[in-house]
Amino acid sequence: MGVDVMRPVYKFEPQYKVTMLTKQDWTKATCTPTVKRLGWYKDWSKMRDGTGAGVYGQSVGRRLSFSLGRYATVFQAEIYATLACAHEVQSQNRTER
Protein backbone atom coordinates (compact mmCIF):
# COMPACT_ATOMS: atom_id res chain seq x y z
CA MET A 1 0.00 0.00 0.00
CA GLY A 2 1.34 3.47 -0.87
CA VAL A 3 2.12 6.23 1.58
CA ASP A 4 0.67 9.73 1.36
CA VAL A 5 3.68 12.01 1.85
CA MET A 6 4.07 15.74 1.21
CA ARG A 7 7.47 17.33 1.07
CA PRO A 8 7.74 20.72 2.79
CA VAL A 9 8.23 23.78 0.61
CA TYR A 10 9.88 26.83 2.16
CA LYS A 11 9.40 30.39 0.88
CA PHE A 12 11.79 32.79 2.55
CA GLU A 13 11.02 35.86 0.44
CA PRO A 14 8.30 37.98 2.08
CA GLN A 15 5.31 38.75 -0.11
CA TYR A 16 4.58 42.01 1.66
CA LYS A 17 6.33 44.88 3.39
CA VAL A 18 5.30 46.42 6.69
CA THR A 19 6.24 50.02 7.41
CA MET A 20 5.95 51.12 11.03
CA LEU A 21 5.88 54.90 11.29
CA THR A 22 6.93 56.77 14.42
CA LYS A 23 4.91 59.56 16.00
CA GLN A 24 7.37 62.10 14.56
CA ASP A 25 6.89 60.66 11.06
CA TRP A 26 3.12 61.10 11.35
CA THR A 27 3.23 64.63 12.75
CA LYS A 28 5.92 65.92 10.38
CA ALA A 29 4.70 63.91 7.37
CA THR A 30 8.27 62.91 6.58
CA CYS A 31 7.26 59.53 5.14
CA THR A 32 5.53 60.36 1.91
CA PRO A 33 4.63 57.19 0.00
CA THR A 34 6.47 56.87 -3.30
CA VAL A 35 4.39 53.92 -4.46
CA LYS A 36 0.72 53.16 -4.09
CA ARG A 37 0.22 51.45 -0.75
CA LEU A 38 -2.61 49.99 1.24
CA GLY A 39 -3.20 51.90 4.46
CA TRP A 40 -4.44 49.69 7.28
CA TYR A 41 -4.96 50.72 10.88
CA LYS A 42 -5.55 48.47 13.86
CA ASP A 43 -6.74 49.08 17.39
CA TRP A 44 -7.49 46.97 20.42
CA SER A 45 -8.73 47.52 23.94
CA LYS A 46 -9.44 45.69 27.17
CA MET A 47 -12.20 46.76 29.54
CA ARG A 48 -14.01 45.13 32.44
CA ASP A 49 -16.62 43.63 30.11
CA GLY A 50 -14.15 42.15 27.64
CA THR A 51 -11.43 42.60 25.07
CA GLY A 52 -11.87 43.70 21.48
CA ALA A 53 -9.89 44.41 18.35
CA GLY A 54 -10.55 46.16 15.09
CA VAL A 55 -8.91 46.87 11.75
CA TYR A 56 -9.67 49.52 9.14
CA GLY A 57 -8.47 49.48 5.54
CA GLN A 58 -8.49 53.11 4.48
CA SER A 59 -7.83 52.61 0.78
CA VAL A 60 -10.37 49.78 0.41
CA GLY A 61 -12.97 51.10 2.87
CA ARG A 62 -13.01 47.87 4.90
CA ARG A 63 -13.87 47.90 8.63
CA LEU A 64 -13.74 44.84 10.85
CA SER A 65 -14.28 44.52 14.59
CA PHE A 66 -13.93 41.49 16.83
CA SER A 67 -15.04 40.68 20.34
CA LEU A 68 -12.46 38.43 21.98
CA GLY A 69 -14.27 37.71 25.25
CA ARG A 70 -13.46 38.49 28.86
CA TYR A 71 -10.21 36.57 29.21
CA ALA A 72 -8.15 37.65 26.21
CA THR A 73 -5.14 39.83 27.00
CA VAL A 74 -4.19 43.07 25.28
CA PHE A 75 -1.28 41.24 23.64
CA GLN A 76 -3.65 38.59 22.25
CA ALA A 77 -5.93 41.33 20.92
CA GLU A 78 -2.97 43.02 19.23
CA ILE A 79 -1.85 39.78 17.61
CA TYR A 80 -5.40 38.97 16.51
CA ALA A 81 -5.79 42.42 14.91
CA THR A 82 -2.47 42.01 13.10
CA LEU A 83 -3.42 38.56 11.80
CA ALA A 84 -6.87 39.76 10.73
CA CYS A 85 -5.30 42.65 8.85
CA ALA A 86 -2.77 40.38 7.12
CA HIS A 87 -5.54 37.93 6.21
CA GLU A 88 -7.67 40.68 4.67
CA VAL A 89 -4.76 41.99 2.61
CA GLN A 90 -3.77 38.49 1.50
CA SER A 91 -7.33 37.56 0.51
CA GLN A 92 -7.66 40.53 -1.86
CA ASN A 93 -6.07 40.20 -5.28
CA ARG A 94 -4.40 43.60 -5.32
CA THR A 95 -1.03 44.40 -6.82
CA GLU A 96 0.04 46.70 -3.96
CA ARG A 97 -0.32 44.10 -1.26
C-alpha atoms as a PDB file:
ATOM      1  CA  MET A   1       0.000   0.000   0.000  1.00  0.00           C
ATOM      2  CA  GLY A   2       1.342   3.466  -0.869  1.00  0.00           C
ATOM      3  CA  VAL A   3       2.121   6.228   1.577  1.00  0.00           C
ATOM      4  CA  ASP A   4       0.669   9.733   1.358  1.00  0.00           C
ATOM      5  CA  VAL A   5       3.676  12.009   1.849  1.00  0.00           C
ATOM      6  CA  MET A   6       4.069  15.737   1.211  1.00  0.00           C
ATOM      7  CA  ARG A   7       7.465  17.333   1.068  1.00  0.00           C
ATOM      8  CA  PRO A   8       7.738  20.723   2.790  1.00  0.00           C
ATOM      9  CA  VAL A   9       8.226  23.784   0.608  1.00  0.00           C
ATOM     10  CA  TYR A  10       9.877  26.833   2.160  1.00  0.00           C
ATOM     11  CA  LYS A  11       9.398  30.388   0.878  1.00  0.00           C
ATOM     12  CA  PHE A  12      11.786  32.791   2.552  1.00  0.00           C
ATOM     13  CA  GLU A  13      11.016  35.862   0.444  1.00  0.00           C
ATOM     14  CA  PRO A  14       8.297  37.983   2.081  1.00  0.00           C
ATOM     15  CA  GLN A  15       5.312  38.750  -0.113  1.00  0.00           C
ATOM     16  CA  TYR A  16       4.579  42.007   1.661  1.00  0.00           C
ATOM     17  CA  LYS A  17       6.327  44.881   3.385  1.00  0.00           C
ATOM     18  CA  VAL A  18       5.297  46.422   6.691  1.00  0.00           C
ATOM     19  CA  THR A  19       6.240  50.021   7.407  1.00  0.00           C
ATOM     20  CA  MET A  20       5.947  51.121  11.032  1.00  0.00           C
ATOM     21  CA  LEU A  21       5.881  54.905  11.294  1.00  0.00           C
ATOM     22  CA  THR A  22       6.926  56.772  14.417  1.00  0.00           C
ATOM     23  CA  LYS A  23       4.912  59.561  16.002  1.00  0.00           C
ATOM     24  CA  GLN A  24       7.367  62.095  14.560  1.00  0.00           C
ATOM     25  CA  ASP A  25       6.885  60.658  11.058  1.00  0.00           C
ATOM     26  CA  TRP A  26       3.118  61.097  11.353  1.00  0.00           C
ATOM     27  CA  THR A  27       3.233  64.634  12.747  1.00  0.00           C
ATOM     28  CA  LYS A  28       5.919  65.924  10.382  1.00  0.00           C
ATOM     29  CA  ALA A  29       4.695  63.914   7.372  1.00  0.00           C
ATOM     30  CA  THR A  30       8.274  62.905   6.584  1.00  0.00           C
ATOM     31  CA  CYS A  31       7.263  59.531   5.143  1.00  0.00           C
ATOM     32  CA  THR A  32       5.530  60.358   1.906  1.00  0.00           C
ATOM     33  CA  PRO A  33       4.628  57.194  -0.004  1.00  0.00           C
ATOM     34  CA  THR A  34       6.473  56.871  -3.303  1.00  0.00           C
ATOM     35  CA  VAL A  35       4.387  53.918  -4.463  1.00  0.00           C
ATOM     36  CA  LYS A  36       0.720  53.163  -4.085  1.00  0.00           C
ATOM     37  CA  ARG A  37       0.218  51.448  -0.751  1.00  0.00           C
ATOM     38  CA  LEU A  38      -2.607  49.992   1.239  1.00  0.00           C
ATOM     39  CA  GLY A  39      -3.203  51.901   4.457  1.00  0.00           C
ATOM     40  CA  TRP A  40      -4.436  49.691   7.282  1.00  0.00           C
ATOM     41  CA  TYR A  41      -4.957  50.722  10.883  1.00  0.00           C
ATOM     42  CA  LYS A  42      -5.548  48.474  13.858  1.00  0.00           C
ATOM     43  CA  ASP A  43      -6.739  49.076  17.389  1.00  0.00           C
ATOM     44  CA  TRP A  44      -7.492  46.975  20.423  1.00  0.00           C
ATOM     45  CA  SER A  45      -8.731  47.521  23.941  1.00  0.00           C
ATOM     46  CA  LYS A  46      -9.438  45.693  27.173  1.00  0.00           C
ATOM     47  CA  MET A  47     -12.197  46.759  29.544  1.00  0.00           C
ATOM     48  CA  ARG A  48     -14.006  45.125  32.444  1.00  0.00           C
ATOM     49  CA  ASP A  49     -16.624  43.631  30.112  1.00  0.00           C
ATOM     50  CA  GLY A  50     -14.149  42.147  27.643  1.00  0.00           C
ATOM     51  CA  THR A  51     -11.427  42.595  25.068  1.00  0.00           C
ATOM     52  CA  GLY A  52     -11.868  43.699  21.477  1.00  0.00           C
ATOM     53  CA  ALA A  53      -9.894  44.410  18.350  1.00  0.00           C
ATOM     54  CA  GLY A  54     -10.553  46.159  15.088  1.00  0.00           C
ATOM     55  CA  VAL A  55      -8.913  46.868  11.746  1.00  0.00           C
ATOM     56  CA  TYR A  56      -9.670  49.515   9.145  1.00  0.00           C
ATOM     57  CA  GLY A  57      -8.472  49.476   5.545  1.00  0.00           C
ATOM     58  CA  GLN A  58      -8.488  53.107   4.480  1.00  0.00           C
ATOM     59  CA  SER A  59      -7.825  52.607   0.778  1.00  0.00           C
ATOM     60  CA  VAL A  60     -10.370  49.782   0.411  1.00  0.00           C
ATOM     61  CA  GLY A  61     -12.975  51.100   2.870  1.00  0.00           C
ATOM     62  CA  ARG A  62     -13.015  47.870   4.899  1.00  0.00           C
ATOM     63  CA  ARG A  63     -13.872  47.903   8.634  1.00  0.00           C
ATOM     64  CA  LEU A  64     -13.741  44.839  10.852  1.00  0.00           C
ATOM     65  CA  SER A  65     -14.281  44.520  14.591  1.00  0.00           C
ATOM     66  CA  PHE A  66     -13.927  41.487  16.831  1.00  0.00           C
ATOM     67  CA  SER A  67     -15.044  40.681  20.345  1.00  0.00           C
ATOM     68  CA  LEU A  68     -12.463  38.435  21.977  1.00  0.00           C
ATOM     69  CA  GLY A  69     -14.273  37.712  25.248  1.00  0.00           C
ATOM     70  CA  ARG A  70     -13.460  38.495  28.863  1.00  0.00           C
ATOM     71  CA  TYR A  71     -10.215  36.571  29.215  1.00  0.00           C
ATOM     72  CA  ALA A  72      -8.150  37.647  26.208  1.00  0.00           C
ATOM     73  CA  THR A  73      -5.140  39.832  26.999  1.00  0.00           C
ATOM     74  CA  VAL A  74      -4.193  43.071  25.284  1.00  0.00           C
ATOM     75  CA  PHE A  75      -1.278  41.240  23.640  1.00  0.00           C
ATOM     76  CA  GLN A  76      -3.652  38.593  22.251  1.00  0.00           C
ATOM     77  CA  ALA A  77      -5.934  41.332  20.916  1.00  0.00           C
ATOM     78  CA  GLU A  78      -2.971  43.025  19.233  1.00  0.00           C
ATOM     79  CA  ILE A  79      -1.845  39.777  17.608  1.00  0.00           C
ATOM     80  CA  TYR A  80      -5.398  38.973  16.507  1.00  0.00           C
ATOM     81  CA  ALA A  81      -5.794  42.418  14.912  1.00  0.00           C
ATOM     82  CA  THR A  82      -2.465  42.010  13.104  1.00  0.00           C
ATOM     83  CA  LEU A  83      -3.419  38.561  11.801  1.00  0.00           C
ATOM     84  CA  ALA A  84      -6.875  39.763  10.727  1.00  0.00           C
ATOM     85  CA  CYS A  85      -5.303  42.650   8.850  1.00  0.00           C
ATOM     86  CA  ALA A  86      -2.772  40.381   7.125  1.00  0.00           C
ATOM     87  CA  HIS A  87      -5.539  37.926   6.213  1.00  0.00           C
ATOM     88  CA  GLU A  88      -7.667  40.684   4.671  1.00  0.00           C
ATOM     89  CA  VAL A  89      -4.759  41.992   2.605  1.00  0.00           C
ATOM     90  CA  GLN A  90      -3.773  38.492   1.498  1.00  0.00           C
ATOM     91  CA  SER A  91      -7.330  37.561   0.513  1.00  0.00           C
ATOM     92  CA  GLN A  92      -7.659  40.531  -1.855  1.00  0.00           C
ATOM     93  CA  ASN A  93      -6.074  40.198  -5.282  1.00  0.00           C
ATOM     94  CA  ARG A  94      -4.404  43.599  -5.320  1.00  0.00           C
ATOM     95  CA  THR A  95      -1.032  44.401  -6.818  1.00  0.00           C
ATOM     96  CA  GLU A  96       0.041  46.701  -3.965  1.00  0.00           C
ATOM     97  CA  ARG A  97      -0.325  44.096  -1.255  1.00  0.00           C
END
